[in-house]
Amino acid sequence: MQKRKCCRNKNCGELFTPCRQVPTQEYCSKKECQRARKKEWNRKKLAADEDYREARRDAQKNWRKKNPDYCKHYRARQKDYVQKNR
C-alpha cells in the first residue's frame, strides 16, 4: 500500500496518494496545484538555464514584432484598465 503524502501547494495542503508511476510526486492533481507546480518549475528553470532564458526572451521579442499594436488595441478595449493605471 502506498504511503499518503501532503500536497506541497501552500493553498491545498490536502493528503493525496502519489501516482504509482511517479513515486516522488509532490503535488496533487487539482488545477491550482498543477499551476503552482508549473510556476515553480519555470522559476527554477529560468534561474538555472541560460539557454531557456534566452529562448523565452527571443520568443517574447518575436511575438512583440508580430503584434506591434497589441498594447494599443488592448488599452482601447479595456477602458477600466486604462483608468485604473492613470
Protein backbone atom coordinates (compact mmCIF):
# COMPACT_ATOMS: atom_id res chain seq x y z
CA MET A 1 0.00 0.00 0.00
CA GLN A 2 1.27 3.45 -0.91
CA LYS A 3 2.05 5.98 1.74
CA ARG A 4 -0.15 9.10 1.70
CA LYS A 5 1.58 12.48 1.44
CA CYS A 6 0.61 16.10 1.84
CA CYS A 7 0.32 18.18 -1.25
CA ARG A 8 3.12 20.75 -1.13
CA ASN A 9 1.00 23.50 -2.62
CA LYS A 10 0.55 26.08 0.13
CA ASN A 11 -3.07 26.69 -0.92
CA CYS A 12 -4.01 22.99 -0.78
CA GLY A 13 -2.25 21.02 1.93
CA GLU A 14 -4.61 18.05 1.42
CA LEU A 15 -3.43 14.44 1.56
CA PHE A 16 -3.17 12.54 -1.70
CA THR A 17 -1.85 9.24 -2.96
CA PRO A 18 1.03 9.67 -5.42
CA CYS A 19 0.68 8.05 -8.82
CA ARG A 20 2.43 4.66 -8.97
CA GLN A 21 4.49 5.76 -11.97
CA VAL A 22 5.65 8.93 -10.14
CA PRO A 23 6.53 7.94 -6.57
CA THR A 24 8.22 11.31 -5.94
CA GLN A 25 5.08 13.25 -6.86
CA GLU A 26 4.76 16.34 -4.69
CA TYR A 27 1.58 17.97 -6.00
CA CYS A 28 -1.94 16.61 -6.25
CA SER A 29 -3.90 16.77 -9.50
CA LYS A 30 -6.02 19.81 -8.64
CA LYS A 31 -5.80 22.55 -11.21
CA GLU A 32 -4.40 25.15 -8.78
CA CYS A 33 -1.78 22.67 -7.51
CA GLN A 34 -0.65 21.85 -11.04
CA ARG A 35 -0.48 25.55 -11.83
CA ALA A 36 1.75 26.06 -8.76
CA ARG A 37 3.93 23.10 -9.84
CA LYS A 38 4.42 24.58 -13.30
CA LYS A 39 5.14 28.03 -11.87
CA GLU A 40 7.80 26.57 -9.57
CA TRP A 41 9.36 24.59 -12.44
CA ASN A 42 9.50 27.71 -14.62
CA ARG A 43 11.04 29.76 -11.81
CA LYS A 44 13.78 27.18 -11.25
CA LYS A 45 14.40 26.68 -14.97
CA LEU A 46 14.75 30.42 -15.60
CA ALA A 47 17.18 30.74 -12.71
CA ALA A 48 19.35 27.79 -13.75
CA ASP A 49 19.24 27.55 -17.55
CA GLU A 50 20.68 30.41 -19.62
CA ASP A 51 19.59 28.81 -22.92
CA TYR A 52 16.00 28.54 -21.70
CA ARG A 53 16.08 32.19 -20.57
CA GLU A 54 17.38 33.31 -23.97
CA ALA A 55 14.80 31.21 -25.83
CA ARG A 56 11.97 32.72 -23.75
CA ARG A 57 13.32 36.24 -24.30
CA ASP A 58 13.65 35.64 -28.07
CA ALA A 59 10.14 34.21 -28.28
CA GLN A 60 8.72 37.25 -26.50
CA LYS A 61 10.69 39.58 -28.74
CA ASN A 62 9.41 37.80 -31.87
CA TRP A 63 5.83 37.89 -30.61
CA ARG A 64 6.09 41.64 -29.98
CA LYS A 65 7.43 42.13 -33.52
CA LYS A 66 4.49 40.19 -34.98
CA ASN A 67 1.96 42.04 -32.78
CA PRO A 68 3.25 45.63 -32.60
CA ASP A 69 -0.14 47.24 -31.88
CA TYR A 70 -1.26 44.76 -29.23
CA CYS A 71 -0.91 47.18 -26.29
CA LYS A 72 -2.72 49.96 -28.12
CA HIS A 73 -5.62 47.65 -29.03
CA TYR A 74 -5.74 46.17 -25.53
CA ARG A 75 -5.99 49.60 -23.93
CA ALA A 76 -8.70 50.60 -26.43
CA ARG A 77 -10.76 47.54 -25.40
CA GLN A 78 -10.07 47.76 -21.65
CA LYS A 79 -11.18 51.26 -20.57
CA ASP A 80 -11.23 50.27 -16.86
CA TYR A 81 -7.62 49.09 -17.07
CA VAL A 82 -6.54 52.43 -18.51
CA GLN A 83 -8.38 54.46 -15.88
CA LYS A 84 -7.06 52.34 -13.01
CA ASN A 85 -3.45 52.89 -14.12
CA ARG A 86 -3.64 56.65 -14.52
